[in-house]
Amino acid sequence: MQTSYSLYRPSALALGNAFSDLPFSAVRVLVYDVIIYFMAHLRRAGVAFWTFHLFNYMAFLAIQGIFRTLGFFFSSYEAAFGLGAFLVTGLVLGTGYLIPVQQMKEWLFWIVSRSLPTFNRC
């Protein structure tokens, strides 16, 4: 709304939104990290937990920045959502979150059957 009145520069508004969101996102990611870290029974050391939190928080801020940038460049939600879905798929494929087919458990066959219809599970 402020950008339509031209009272503030768009860059100042974007930076203000990003900085004002930092404390809320930090608490949100901290709660998530506490739950995931201790449910996964990772090493119970302060340095290990805070390193885990730092990397997760930095990844959260990077992804949030990507989506804010997409929202800035596109005027319609559908266009930004389409490119965002494409980018997230590429990021997941490129960062190693997918399990190689040879190492998949038997109960993950539905993933393989949809993505590789000619896969033989012998």
PDB file of N, CA and C in Angstrom:
ATOM      1  N   MET A   1       0.819  -1.185   0.000  1.00  0.00           N
ATOM      2  CA  MET A   1       0.000   0.000   0.000  1.00  0.00           C
ATOM      3  C   MET A   1       0.866   1.252   0.000  1.00  0.00           C
ATOM      4  N   GLN A   2       1.954   1.240   0.762  1.00  0.00           N
ATOM      5  CA  GLN A   2       2.822   2.413   0.819  1.00  0.00           C
ATOM      6  C   GLN A   2       3.495   2.671  -0.522  1.00  0.00           C
ATOM      7  N   THR A   3       3.767   1.609  -1.281  1.00  0.00           N
ATOM      8  CA  THR A   3       4.418   1.812  -2.568  1.00  0.00           C
ATOM      9  C   THR A   3       3.490   2.503  -3.560  1.00  0.00           C
ATOM     10  N   SER A   4       2.191   2.296  -3.446  1.00  0.00           N
ATOM     11  CA  SER A   4       1.266   2.970  -4.359  1.00  0.00           C
ATOM     12  C   SER A   4       1.210   4.477  -4.086  1.00  0.00           C
ATOM     13  N   TYR A   5       1.479   4.889  -2.851  1.00  0.00           N
ATOM     14  CA  TYR A   5       1.507   6.320  -2.527  1.00  0.00           C
ATOM     15  C   TYR A   5       2.869   6.934  -2.831  1.00  0.00           C
ATOM     16  N   SER A   6       3.874   6.109  -3.088  1.00  0.00           N
ATOM     17  CA  SER A   6       5.246   6.546  -3.372  1.00  0.00           C
ATOM     18  C   SER A   6       5.843   7.347  -2.223  1.00  0.00           C
ATOM     19  N   LEU A   7       5.471   7.018  -0.999  1.00  0.00           N
ATOM     20  CA  LEU A   7       6.062   7.686   0.157  1.00  0.00           C
ATOM     21  C   LEU A   7       7.423   7.091   0.504  1.00  0.00           C
ATOM     22  N   TYR A   8       7.595   5.824   0.252  1.00  0.00           N
ATOM     23  CA  TYR A   8       8.858   5.145   0.523  1.00  0.00           C
ATOM     24  C   TYR A   8       9.354   4.501  -0.762  1.00  0.00           C
ATOM     25  N   ARG A   9      10.651   4.363  -0.855  1.00  0.00           N
ATOM     26  CA  ARG A   9      11.210   3.633  -1.987  1.00  0.00           C
ATOM     27  C   ARG A   9      10.863   2.154  -1.834  1.00  0.00           C
ATOM     28  N   PRO A  10      10.662   1.440  -2.931  1.00  0.00           N
ATOM     29  CA  PRO A  10      10.357   0.004  -2.831  1.00  0.00           C
ATOM     30  C   PRO A  10      11.467  -0.796  -2.148  1.00  0.00           C
ATOM     31  N   SER A  11      12.722  -0.391  -2.354  1.00  0.00           N
ATOM     32  CA  SER A  11      13.821  -1.112  -1.706  1.00  0.00           C
ATOM     33  C   SER A  11      13.780  -0.927  -0.188  1.00  0.00           C
ATOM     34  N   ALA A  12      13.417   0.283   0.277  1.00  0.00           N
ATOM     35  CA  ALA A  12      13.316   0.516   1.719  1.00  0.00           C
ATOM     36  C   ALA A  12      12.179  -0.299   2.316  1.00  0.00           C
ATOM     37  N   LEU A  13      11.077  -0.410   1.583  1.00  0.00           N
ATOM     38  CA  LEU A  13       9.951  -1.201   2.058  1.00  0.00           C
ATOM     39  C   LEU A  13      10.307  -2.689   2.109  1.00  0.00           C
ATOM     40  N   ALA A  14      11.013  -3.176   1.088  1.00  0.00           N
ATOM     41  CA  ALA A  14      11.417  -4.586   1.066  1.00  0.00           C
ATOM     42  C   ALA A  14      12.402  -4.896   2.192  1.00  0.00           C
ATOM     43  N   LEU A  15      13.367  -4.020   2.400  1.00  0.00           N
ATOM     44  CA  LEU A  15      14.327  -4.237   3.493  1.00  0.00           C
ATOM     45  C   LEU A  15      13.651  -4.146   4.853  1.00  0.00           C
ATOM     46  N   GLY A  16      12.738  -3.193   5.003  1.00  0.00           N
ATOM     47  CA  GLY A  16      12.003  -3.071   6.266  1.00  0.00           C
ATOM     48  C   GLY A  16      11.172  -4.311   6.564  1.00  0.00           C
ATOM     49  N   ASN A  17      10.519  -4.852   5.534  1.00  0.00           N
ATOM     50  CA  ASN A  17       9.746  -6.088   5.729  1.00  0.00           C
ATOM     51  C   ASN A  17      10.650  -7.259   6.093  1.00  0.00           C
ATOM     52  N   ALA A  18      11.792  -7.347   5.430  1.00  0.00           N
ATOM     53  CA  ALA A  18      12.714  -8.453   5.705  1.00  0.00           C
ATOM     54  C   ALA A  18      13.271  -8.354   7.127  1.00  0.00           C
ATOM     55  N   PHE A  19      13.692  -7.162   7.532  1.00  0.00           N
ATOM     56  CA  PHE A  19      14.272  -7.007   8.874  1.00  0.00           C
ATOM     57  C   PHE A  19      13.227  -7.142   9.978  1.00  0.00           C
ATOM     58  N   SER A  20      12.025  -6.695   9.714  1.00  0.00           N
ATOM     59  CA  SER A  20      10.997  -6.831  10.748  1.00  0.00           C
ATOM     60  C   SER A  20      10.534  -8.278  10.901  1.00  0.00           C
ATOM     61  N   ASP A  21      10.735  -9.079   9.880  1.00  0.00           N
ATOM     62  CA  ASP A  21      10.340 -10.484   9.940  1.00  0.00           C
ATOM     63  C   ASP A  21      11.403 -11.357  10.601  1.00  0.00           C
ATOM     64  N   LEU A  22      12.627 -10.852  10.766  1.00  0.00           N
ATOM     65  CA  LEU A  22      13.721 -11.658  11.323  1.00  0.00           C
ATOM     66  C   LEU A  22      13.433 -12.246  12.706  1.00  0.00           C
ATOM     67  N   PRO A  23      12.963 -11.486  13.684  1.00  0.00           N
ATOM     68  CA  PRO A  23      12.720 -12.095  15.001  1.00  0.00           C
ATOM     69  C   PRO A  23      11.638 -13.175  14.978  1.00  0.00           C
ATOM     70  N   PHE A  24      10.582 -12.941  14.201  1.00  0.00           N
ATOM     71  CA  PHE A  24       9.501 -13.930  14.145  1.00  0.00           C
ATOM     72  C   PHE A  24       9.957 -15.211  13.450  1.00  0.00           C
ATOM     73  N   SER A  25      10.716 -15.052  12.381  1.00  0.00           N
ATOM     74  CA  SER A  25      11.203 -16.243  11.684  1.00  0.00           C
ATOM     75  C   SER A  25      12.253 -16.968  12.521  1.00  0.00           C
ATOM     76  N   ALA A  26      13.047 -16.220  13.302  1.00  0.00           N
ATOM     77  CA  ALA A  26      14.042 -16.872  14.154  1.00  0.00           C
ATOM     78  C   ALA A  26      13.370 -17.751  15.208  1.00  0.00           C
ATOM     79  N   VAL A  27      12.307 -17.261  15.800  1.00  0.00           N
ATOM     80  CA  VAL A  27      11.583 -18.049  16.804  1.00  0.00           C
ATOM     81  C   VAL A  27      10.918 -19.251  16.154  1.00  0.00           C
ATOM     82  N   ARG A  28      10.323 -19.048  14.992  1.00  0.00           N
ATOM     83  CA  ARG A  28       9.657 -20.133  14.273  1.00  0.00           C
ATOM     84  C   ARG A  28      10.644 -21.250  13.915  1.00  0.00           C
ATOM     85  N   VAL A  29      11.815 -20.864  13.409  1.00  0.00           N
ATOM     86  CA  VAL A  29      12.816 -21.864  13.029  1.00  0.00           C
ATOM     87  C   VAL A  29      13.414 -22.515  14.278  1.00  0.00           C
ATOM     88  N   LEU A  30      13.579 -21.770  15.351  1.00  0.00           N
ATOM     89  CA  LEU A  30      14.110 -22.343  16.584  1.00  0.00           C
ATOM     90  C   LEU A  30      13.179 -23.412  17.144  1.00  0.00           C
ATOM     91  N   VAL A  31      11.889 -23.146  17.157  1.00  0.00           N
ATOM     92  CA  VAL A  31      10.927 -24.148  17.639  1.00  0.00           C
ATOM     93  C   VAL A  31      10.982 -25.387  16.758  1.00  0.00           C
ATOM     94  N   TYR A  32      11.022 -25.188  15.456  1.00  0.00           N
ATOM     95  CA  TYR A  32      11.120 -26.320  14.528  1.00  0.00           C
ATOM     96  C   TYR A  32      12.406 -27.108  14.769  1.00  0.00           C
ATOM     97  N   ASP A  33      13.534 -26.400  14.932  1.00  0.00           N
ATOM     98  CA  ASP A  33      14.820 -27.070  15.127  1.00  0.00           C
ATOM     99  C   ASP A  33      14.871 -27.859  16.422  1.00  0.00           C
ATOM    100  N   VAL A  34      14.313 -27.319  17.486  1.00  0.00           N
ATOM    101  CA  VAL A  34      14.295 -28.047  18.761  1.00  0.00           C
ATOM    102  C   VAL A  34      13.528 -29.357  18.615  1.00  0.00           C
ATOM    103  N   ILE A  35      12.389 -29.299  17.970  1.00  0.00           N
ATOM    104  CA  ILE A  35      11.580 -30.506  17.798  1.00  0.00           C
ATOM    105  C   ILE A  35      12.299 -31.524  16.934  1.00  0.00           C
ATOM    106  N   ILE A  36      12.783 -31.094  15.771  1.00  0.00           N
ATOM    107  CA  ILE A  36      13.422 -32.023  14.837  1.00  0.00           C
ATOM    108  C   ILE A  36      14.733 -32.552  15.389  1.00  0.00           C
ATOM    109  N   TYR A  37      15.534 -31.705  16.007  1.00  0.00           N
ATOM    110  CA  TYR A  37      16.858 -32.114  16.493  1.00  0.00           C
ATOM    111  C   TYR A  37      16.743 -33.202  17.550  1.00  0.00           C
ATOM    112  N   PHE A  38      15.841 -33.027  18.486  1.00  0.00           N
ATOM    113  CA  PHE A  38      15.746 -34.003  19.563  1.00  0.00           C
ATOM    114  C   PHE A  38      14.920 -35.224  19.172  1.00  0.00           C
ATOM    115  N   MET A  39      13.992 -35.084  18.226  1.00  0.00           N
ATOM    116  CA  MET A  39      13.281 -36.262  17.733  1.00  0.00           C
ATOM    117  C   MET A  39      14.203 -37.169  16.930  1.00  0.00           C
ATOM    118  N   ALA A  40      15.181 -36.566  16.249  1.00  0.00           N
ATOM    119  CA  ALA A  40      16.114 -37.345  15.439  1.00  0.00           C
ATOM    120  C   ALA A  40      17.265 -37.907  16.267  1.00  0.00           C
ATOM    121  N   HIS A  41      17.297 -37.610  17.554  1.00  0.00           N
ATOM    122  CA  HIS A  41      18.348 -38.074  18.466  1.00  0.00           C
ATOM    123  C   HIS A  41      19.741 -37.736  17.938  1.00  0.00           C
ATOM    124  N   LEU A  42      19.901 -36.483  17.529  1.00  0.00           N
ATOM    125  CA  LEU A  42      21.213 -36.046  17.093  1.00  0.00           C
ATOM    126  C   LEU A  42      22.087 -35.796  18.311  1.00  0.00           C
ATOM    127  N   ARG A  43      23.352 -35.525  18.078  1.00  0.00           N
ATOM    128  CA  ARG A  43      24.328 -35.413  19.170  1.00  0.00           C
ATOM    129  C   ARG A  43      23.915 -34.319  20.147  1.00  0.00           C
ATOM    130  N   ARG A  44      23.875 -34.672  21.421  1.00  0.00           N
ATOM    131  CA  ARG A  44      23.412 -33.746  22.463  1.00  0.00           C
ATOM    132  C   ARG A  44      24.565 -32.874  22.944  1.00  0.00           C
ATOM    133  N   ALA A  45      24.892 -31.887  22.147  1.00  0.00           N
ATOM    134  CA  ALA A  45      25.933 -30.927  22.508  1.00  0.00           C
ATOM    135  C   ALA A  45      25.463 -29.555  22.046  1.00  0.00           C
ATOM    136  N   GLY A  46      25.797 -28.552  22.827  1.00  0.00           N
ATOM    137  CA  GLY A  46      25.346 -27.207  22.502  1.00  0.00           C
ATOM    138  C   GLY A  46      25.875 -26.704  21.167  1.00  0.00           C
ATOM    139  N   VAL A  47      27.151 -26.957  20.913  1.00  0.00           N
ATOM    140  CA  VAL A  47      27.748 -26.494  19.665  1.00  0.00           C
ATOM    141  C   VAL A  47      27.082 -27.176  18.470  1.00  0.00           C
ATOM    142  N   ALA A  48      26.794 -28.463  18.592  1.00  0.00           N
ATOM    143  CA  ALA A  48      26.161 -29.198  17.500  1.00  0.00           C
ATOM    144  C   ALA A  48      24.751 -28.658  17.231  1.00  0.00           C
ATOM    145  N   PHE A  49      23.997 -28.410  18.289  1.00  0.00           N
ATOM    146  CA  PHE A  49      22.643 -27.894  18.095  1.00  0.00           C
ATOM    147  C   PHE A  49      22.662 -26.514  17.475  1.00  0.00           C
ATOM    148  N   TRP A  50      23.507 -25.625  17.945  1.00  0.00           N
ATOM    149  CA  TRP A  50      23.503 -24.264  17.423  1.00  0.00           C
ATOM    150  C   TRP A  50      24.058 -24.202  16.003  1.00  0.00           C
ATOM    151  N   THR A  51      24.949 -25.128  15.656  1.00  0.00           N
ATOM    152  CA  THR A  51      25.401 -25.224  14.265  1.00  0.00           C
ATOM    153  C   THR A  51      24.258 -25.680  13.379  1.00  0.00           C
ATOM    154  N   PHE A  52      23.509 -26.683  13.844  1.00  0.00           N
ATOM    155  CA  PHE A  52      22.324 -27.155  13.130  1.00  0.00           C
ATOM    156  C   PHE A  52      21.331 -26.013  12.946  1.00  0.00           C
ATOM    157  N   HIS A  53      21.095 -25.255  14.006  1.00  0.00           N
ATOM    158  CA  HIS A  53      20.162 -24.136  13.936  1.00  0.00           C
ATOM    159  C   HIS A  53      20.662 -23.054  12.981  1.00  0.00           C
ATOM    160  N   LEU A  54      21.939 -22.757  13.013  1.00  0.00           N
ATOM    161  CA  LEU A  54      22.496 -21.727  12.134  1.00  0.00           C
ATOM    162  C   LEU A  54      22.305 -22.100  10.663  1.00  0.00           C
ATOM    163  N   PHE A  55      22.623 -23.337  10.317  1.00  0.00           N
ATOM    164  CA  PHE A  55      22.483 -23.753   8.927  1.00  0.00           C
ATOM    165  C   PHE A  55      21.018 -23.792   8.495  1.00  0.00           C
ATOM    166  N   ASN A  56      20.145 -24.259   9.362  1.00  0.00           N
ATOM    167  CA  ASN A  56      18.721 -24.261   9.021  1.00  0.00           C
ATOM    168  C   ASN A  56      18.174 -22.845   8.872  1.00  0.00           C
ATOM    169  N   TYR A  57      18.587 -21.952   9.740  1.00  0.00           N
ATOM    170  CA  TYR A  57      18.105 -20.575   9.672  1.00  0.00           C
ATOM    171  C   TYR A  57      18.616 -19.868   8.427  1.00  0.00           C
ATOM    172  N   MET A  58      19.874 -20.101   8.081  1.00  0.00           N
ATOM    173  CA  MET A  58      20.417 -19.502   6.867  1.00  0.00           C
ATOM    174  C   MET A  58      19.710 -20.051   5.620  1.00  0.00           C
ATOM    175  N   ALA A  59      19.416 -21.344   5.614  1.00  0.00           N
ATOM    176  CA  ALA A  59      18.681 -21.932   4.493  1.00  0.00           C
ATOM    177  C   ALA A  59      17.269 -21.347   4.416  1.00  0.00           C
ATOM    178  N   PHE A  60      16.636 -21.167   5.567  1.00  0.00           N
ATOM    179  CA  PHE A  60      15.297 -20.562   5.602  1.00  0.00           C
ATOM    180  C   PHE A  60      15.321 -19.151   5.040  1.00  0.00           C
ATOM    181  N   LEU A  61      16.314 -18.360   5.435  1.00  0.00           N
ATOM    182  CA  LEU A  61      16.405 -16.989   4.945  1.00  0.00           C
ATOM    183  C   LEU A  61      16.693 -16.947   3.445  1.00  0.00           C
ATOM    184  N   ALA A  62      17.493 -17.893   2.964  1.00  0.00           N
ATOM    185  CA  ALA A  62      17.786 -17.932   1.529  1.00  0.00           C
ATOM    186  C   ALA A  62      16.538 -18.267   0.724  1.00  0.00           C
ATOM    187  N   ILE A  63      15.798 -19.268   1.156  1.00  0.00           N
ATOM    188  CA  ILE A  63      14.574 -19.638   0.451  1.00  0.00           C
ATOM    189  C   ILE A  63      13.535 -18.518   0.551  1.00  0.00           C
ATOM    190  N   GLN A  64      13.443 -17.910   1.711  1.00  0.00           N
ATOM    191  CA  GLN A  64      12.515 -16.791   1.877  1.00  0.00           C
ATOM    192  C   GLN A  64      12.897 -15.641   0.948  1.00  0.00           C
ATOM    193  N   GLY A  65      14.185 -15.402   0.791  1.00  0.00           N
ATOM    194  CA  GLY A  65      14.644 -14.365  -0.129  1.00  0.00           C
ATOM    195  C   GLY A  65      14.302 -14.682  -1.575  1.00  0.00           C
ATOM    196  N   ILE A  66      14.428 -15.952  -1.947  1.00  0.00           N
ATOM    197  CA  ILE A  66      14.065 -16.355  -3.309  1.00  0.00           C
ATOM    198  C   ILE A  66      12.582 -16.092  -3.555  1.00  0.00           C
ATOM    199  N   PHE A  67      11.740 -16.483  -2.602  1.00  0.00           N
ATOM    200  CA  PHE A  67      10.307 -16.296  -2.797  1.00  0.00           C
ATOM    201  C   PHE A  67       9.909 -14.821  -2.754  1.00  0.00           C
ATOM    202  N   ARG A  68      10.560 -14.031  -1.934  1.00  0.00           N
ATOM    203  CA  ARG A  68      10.267 -12.593  -1.923  1.00  0.00           C
ATOM    204  C   ARG A  68      10.679 -11.947  -3.247  1.00  0.00           C
ATOM    205  N   THR A  69      11.801 -12.413  -3.804  1.00  0.00           N
ATOM    206  CA  THR A  69      12.251 -11.895  -5.093  1.00  0.00           C
ATOM    207  C   THR A  69      11.267 -12.261  -6.193  1.00  0.00           C
ATOM    208  N   LEU A  70      10.785 -13.502  -6.181  1.00  0.00           N
ATOM    209  CA  LEU A  70       9.786 -13.905  -7.170  1.00  0.00           C
ATOM    210  C   LEU A  70       8.511 -13.078  -7.028  1.00  0.00           C
ATOM    211  N   GLY A  71       8.100 -12.837  -5.799  1.00  0.00           N
ATOM    212  CA  GLY A  71       6.920 -12.016  -5.578  1.00  0.00           C
ATOM    213  C   GLY A  71       7.102 -10.588  -6.047  1.00  0.00           C
ATOM    214  N   PHE A  72       8.336 -10.099  -5.994  1.00  0.00           N
ATOM    215  CA  PHE A  72       8.608  -8.741  -6.461  1.00  0.00           C
ATOM    216  C   PHE A  72       8.572  -8.656  -7.983  1.00  0.00           C
ATOM    217  N   PHE A  73       9.088  -9.692  -8.661  1.00  0.00           N
ATOM    218  CA  PHE A  73       9.199  -9.643 -10.111  1.00  0.00           C
ATOM    219  C   PHE A  73       7.898  -9.948 -10.844  1.00  0.00           C
ATOM    220  N   PHE A  74       6.990 -10.675 -10.227  1.00  0.00           N
ATOM    221  CA  PHE A  74       5.755 -11.058 -10.903  1.00  0.00           C
ATOM    222  C   PHE A  74       4.571 -10.324 -10.297  1.00  0.00           C
ATOM    223  N   SER A  75       3.673  -9.881 -11.160  1.00  0.00           N
ATOM    224  CA  SER A  75       2.506  -9.173 -10.660  1.00  0.00           C
ATOM    225  C   SER A  75       1.375 -10.132 -10.298  1.00  0.00           C
ATOM    226  N   SER A  76       1.381 -11.341 -10.881  1.00  0.00           N
ATOM    227  CA  SER A  76       0.317 -12.293 -10.566  1.00  0.00           C
ATOM    228  C   SER A  76       0.861 -13.419  -9.686  1.00  0.00           C
ATOM    229  N   TYR A  77       0.018 -13.878  -8.815  1.00  0.00           N
ATOM    230  CA  TYR A  77       0.382 -14.959  -7.909  1.00  0.00           C
ATOM    231  C   TYR A  77       0.649 -16.251  -8.670  1.00  0.00           C
ATOM    232  N   GLU A  78      -0.133 -16.527  -9.705  1.00  0.00           N
ATOM    233  CA  GLU A  78      -0.017 -17.782 -10.448  1.00  0.00           C
ATOM    234  C   GLU A  78       1.326 -17.898 -11.142  1.00  0.00           C
ATOM    235  N   ALA A  79       1.807 -16.815 -11.724  1.00  0.00           N
ATOM    236  CA  ALA A  79       3.103 -16.844 -12.407  1.00  0.00           C
ATOM    237  C   ALA A  79       4.240 -17.052 -11.411  1.00  0.00           C
ATOM    238  N   ALA A  80       4.186 -16.344 -10.296  1.00  0.00           N
ATOM    239  CA  ALA A  80       5.231 -16.498  -9.275  1.00  0.00           C
ATOM    240  C   ALA A  80       5.197 -17.896  -8.679  1.00  0.00           C
ATOM    241  N   PHE A  81       4.007 -18.435  -8.454  1.00  0.00           N
ATOM    242  CA  PHE A  81       3.879 -19.774  -7.888  1.00  0.00           C
ATOM    243  C   PHE A  81       4.414 -20.820  -8.860  1.00  0.00           C
ATOM    244  N   GLY A  82       4.122 -20.662 -10.141  1.00  0.00           N
ATOM    245  CA  GLY A  82       4.604 -21.621 -11.138  1.00  0.00           C
ATOM    246  C   GLY A  82       6.119 -21.651 -11.203  1.00  0.00           C
ATOM    247  N   LEU A  83       6.747 -20.483 -11.260  1.00  0.00           N
ATOM    248  CA  LEU A  83       8.209 -20.447 -11.299  1.00  0.00           C
ATOM    249  C   LEU A  83       8.803 -20.900  -9.969  1.00  0.00           C
ATOM    250  N   GLY A  84       8.141 -20.567  -8.860  1.00  0.00           N
ATOM    251  CA  GLY A  84       8.628 -21.017  -7.554  1.00  0.00           C
ATOM    252  C   GLY A  84       8.604 -22.528  -7.424  1.00  0.00           C
ATOM    253  N   ALA A  85       7.539 -23.150  -7.908  1.00  0.00           N
ATOM    254  CA  ALA A  85       7.461 -24.614  -7.875  1.00  0.00           C
ATOM    255  C   ALA A  85       8.545 -25.233  -8.740  1.00  0.00           C
ATOM    256  N   PHE A  86       8.803 -24.634  -9.880  1.00  0.00           N
ATOM    257  CA  PHE A  86       9.860 -25.127 -10.763  1.00  0.00           C
ATOM    258  C   PHE A  86      11.225 -24.991 -10.103  1.00  0.00           C
ATOM    259  N   LEU A  87      11.485 -23.843  -9.457  1.00  0.00           N
ATOM    260  CA  LEU A  87      12.774 -23.631  -8.804  1.00  0.00           C
ATOM    261  C   LEU A  87      12.979 -24.557  -7.608  1.00  0.00           C
ATOM    262  N   VAL A  88      11.939 -24.751  -6.804  1.00  0.00           N
ATOM    263  CA  VAL A  88      12.070 -25.629  -5.643  1.00  0.00           C
ATOM    264  C   VAL A  88      12.333 -27.066  -6.090  1.00  0.00           C
ATOM    265  N   THR A  89      11.674 -27.499  -7.159  1.00  0.00           N
ATOM    266  CA  THR A  89      11.923 -28.835  -7.686  1.00  0.00           C
ATOM    267  C   THR A  89      13.373 -28.967  -8.131  1.00  0.00           C
ATOM    268  N   GLY A  90      13.870 -27.964  -8.812  1.00  0.00           N
ATOM    269  CA  GLY A  90      15.277 -27.977  -9.226  1.00  0.00           C
ATOM    270  C   GLY A  90      16.232 -27.966  -8.052  1.00  0.00           C
ATOM    271  N   LEU A  91      15.902 -27.207  -7.009  1.00  0.00           N
ATOM    272  CA  LEU A  91      16.757 -27.176  -5.817  1.00  0.00           C
ATOM    273  C   LEU A  91      16.773 -28.528  -5.108  1.00  0.00           C
ATOM    274  N   VAL A  92      15.627 -29.163  -5.009  1.00  0.00           N
ATOM    275  CA  VAL A  92      15.563 -30.470  -4.351  1.00  0.00           C
ATOM    276  C   VAL A  92      16.344 -31.503  -5.154  1.00  0.00           C
ATOM    277  N   LEU A  93      16.212 -31.466  -6.469  1.00  0.00           N
ATOM    278  CA  LEU A  93      16.948 -32.412  -7.305  1.00  0.00           C
ATOM    279  C   LEU A  93      18.444 -32.167  -7.234  1.00  0.00           C
ATOM    280  N   GLY A  94      18.842 -30.894  -7.150  1.00  0.00           N
ATOM    281  CA  GLY A  94      20.257 -30.566  -7.185  1.00  0.00           C
ATOM    282  C   GLY A  94      20.977 -30.650  -5.857  1.00  0.00           C
ATOM    283  N   THR A  95      20.271 -30.658  -4.757  1.00  0.00           N
ATOM    284  CA  THR A  95      20.944 -30.642  -3.461  1.00  0.00           C
ATOM    285  C   THR A  95      21.026 -32.001  -2.791  1.00  0.00           C
ATOM    286  N   GLY A  96      20.559 -33.042  -3.444  1.00  0.00           N
ATOM    287  CA  GLY A  96      20.760 -34.380  -2.921  1.00  0.00           C
ATOM    288  C   GLY A  96      19.720 -34.858  -1.936  1.00  0.00           C
ATOM    289  N   TYR A  97      18.517 -34.313  -1.961  1.00  0.00           N
ATOM    290  CA  TYR A  97      17.484 -34.785  -1.053  1.00  0.00           C
ATOM    291  C   TYR A  97      16.804 -36.053  -1.566  1.00  0.00           C
ATOM    292  N   LEU A  98      17.046 -36.410  -2.824  1.00  0.00           N
ATOM    293  CA  LEU A  98      16.433 -37.610  -3.370  1.00  0.00           C
ATOM    294  C   LEU A  98      17.317 -38.820  -3.102  1.00  0.00           C
ATOM    295  N   ILE A  99      16.702 -39.926  -2.800  1.00  0.00           N
ATOM    296  CA  ILE A  99      17.422 -41.166  -2.527  1.00  0.00           C
ATOM    297  C   ILE A  99      17.678 -41.861  -3.851  1.00  0.00           C
ATOM    298  N   PRO A 100      18.897 -42.342  -4.090  1.00  0.00           N
ATOM    299  CA  PRO A 100      19.138 -43.104  -5.311  1.00  0.00           C
ATOM    300  C   PRO A 100      18.245 -44.346  -5.356  1.00  0.00           C
ATOM    301  N   VAL A 101      17.839 -44.725  -6.546  1.00  0.00           N
ATOM    302  CA  VAL A 101      16.893 -45.829  -6.714  1.00  0.00           C
ATOM    303  C   VAL A 101      17.446 -47.120  -6.116  1.00  0.00           C
ATOM    304  N   GLN A 102      18.729 -47.348  -6.246  1.00  0.00           N
ATOM    305  CA  GLN A 102      19.317 -48.584  -5.731  1.00  0.00           C
ATOM    306  C   GLN A 102      19.300 -48.636  -4.203  1.00  0.00           C
ATOM    307  N   GLN A 103      19.231 -47.487  -3.531  1.00  0.00           N
ATOM    308  CA  GLN A 103      19.247 -47.459  -2.073  1.00  0.00           C
ATOM    309  C   GLN A 103      17.860 -47.278  -1.458  1.00  0.00           C
ATOM    310  N   MET A 104      16.811 -47.227  -2.281  1.00  0.00           N
ATOM    311  CA  MET A 104      15.459 -47.036  -1.755  1.00  0.00           C
ATOM    312  C   MET A 104      14.976 -48.282  -1.026  1.00  0.00           C
ATOM    313  N   LYS A 105      14.227 -48.056  -0.002  1.00  0.00           N
ATOM    314  CA  LYS A 105      13.588 -49.155   0.712  1.00  0.00           C
ATOM    315  C   LYS A 105      12.427 -49.682  -0.107  1.00  0.00           C
ATOM    316  N   GLU A 106      11.987 -50.860   0.202  1.00  0.00           N
ATOM    317  CA  GLU A 106      10.929 -51.499  -0.575  1.00  0.00           C
ATOM    318  C   GLU A 106       9.610 -50.733  -0.503  1.00  0.00           C
ATOM    319  N   TRP A 107       9.338 -50.097   0.649  1.00  0.00           N
ATOM    320  CA  TRP A 107       8.069 -49.406   0.812  1.00  0.00           C
ATOM    321  C   TRP A 107       8.039 -48.051   0.109  1.00  0.00           C
ATOM    322  N   LEU A 108       9.137 -47.647  -0.548  1.00  0.00           N
ATOM    323  CA  LEU A 108       9.146 -46.412  -1.326  1.00  0.00           C
ATOM    324  C   LEU A 108       8.885 -46.671  -2.813  1.00  0.00           C
ATOM    325  N   PHE A 109       8.354 -47.833  -3.124  1.00  0.00           N
ATOM    326  CA  PHE A 109       8.162 -48.191  -4.531  1.00  0.00           C
ATOM    327  C   PHE A 109       7.231 -47.228  -5.269  1.00  0.00           C
ATOM    328  N   TRP A 110       6.302 -46.599  -4.552  1.00  0.00           N
ATOM    329  CA  TRP A 110       5.335 -45.719  -5.206  1.00  0.00           C
ATOM    330  C   TRP A 110       6.018 -44.497  -5.800  1.00  0.00           C
ATOM    331  N   ILE A 111       7.130 -44.039  -5.206  1.00  0.00           N
ATOM    332  CA  ILE A 111       7.861 -42.905  -5.781  1.00  0.00           C
ATOM    333  C   ILE A 111       8.488 -43.326  -7.101  1.00  0.00           C
ATOM    334  N   VAL A 112       9.102 -44.481  -7.082  1.00  0.00           N
ATOM    335  CA  VAL A 112       9.783 -44.967  -8.273  1.00  0.00           C
ATOM    336  C   VAL A 112       8.773 -45.303  -9.354  1.00  0.00           C
ATOM    337  N   SER A 113       7.650 -45.894  -8.986  1.00  0.00           N
ATOM    338  CA  SER A 113       6.675 -46.301  -9.994  1.00  0.00           C
ATOM    339  C   SER A 113       6.062 -45.099 -10.700  1.00  0.00           C
ATOM    340  N   ARG A 114       5.977 -43.947 -10.026  1.00  0.00           N
ATOM    341  CA  ARG A 114       5.421 -42.763 -10.680  1.00  0.00           C
ATOM    342  C   ARG A 114       6.475 -42.043 -11.511  1.00  0.00           C
ATOM    343  N   SER A 115       7.718 -42.017 -11.046  1.00  0.00           N
ATOM    344  CA  SER A 115       8.728 -41.256 -11.769  1.00  0.00           C
ATOM    345  C   SER A 115       9.424 -42.087 -12.843  1.00  0.00           C
ATOM    346  N   LEU A 116       9.605 -43.379 -12.601  1.00  0.00           N
ATOM    347  CA  LEU A 116      10.256 -44.250 -13.569  1.00  0.00           C
ATOM    348  C   LEU A 116       9.381 -45.468 -13.829  1.00  0.00           C
ATOM    349  N   PRO A 117       8.480 -45.390 -14.800  1.00  0.00           N
ATOM    350  CA  PRO A 117       7.555 -46.485 -14.999  1.00  0.00           C
ATOM    351  C   PRO A 117       8.204 -47.793 -15.442  1.00  0.00           C
ATOM    352  N   THR A 118       9.423 -47.742 -15.982  1.00  0.00           N
ATOM    353  CA  THR A 118      10.061 -48.969 -16.466  1.00  0.00           C
ATOM    354  C   THR A 118      10.982 -49.584 -15.429  1.00  0.00           C
ATOM    355  N   PHE A 119      10.966 -49.095 -14.199  1.00  0.00           N
ATOM    356  CA  PHE A 119      11.862 -49.601 -13.160  1.00  0.00           C
ATOM    357  C   PHE A 119      11.477 -51.008 -12.742  1.00  0.00           C
ATOM    358  N   ASN A 120      12.450 -51.884 -12.677  1.00  0.00           N
ATOM    359  CA  ASN A 120      12.221 -53.267 -12.272  1.00  0.00           C
ATOM    360  C   ASN A 120      12.800 -53.457 -10.876  1.00  0.00           C
ATOM    361  N   ARG A 121      11.972 -53.843  -9.916  1.00  0.00           N
ATOM    362  CA  ARG A 121      12.403 -53.959  -8.516  1.00  0.00           C
ATOM    363  C   ARG A 121      12.889 -55.359  -8.193  1.00  0.00           C
ATOM    364  N   CYS A 122      13.781 -55.937  -8.939  1.00  0.00           N
ATOM    365  CA  CYS A 122      14.231 -57.281  -8.590  1.00  0.00           C
ATOM    366  C   CYS A 122      15.488 -57.294  -7.785  1.00  0.00           C
TER     367      CYS A 122
END
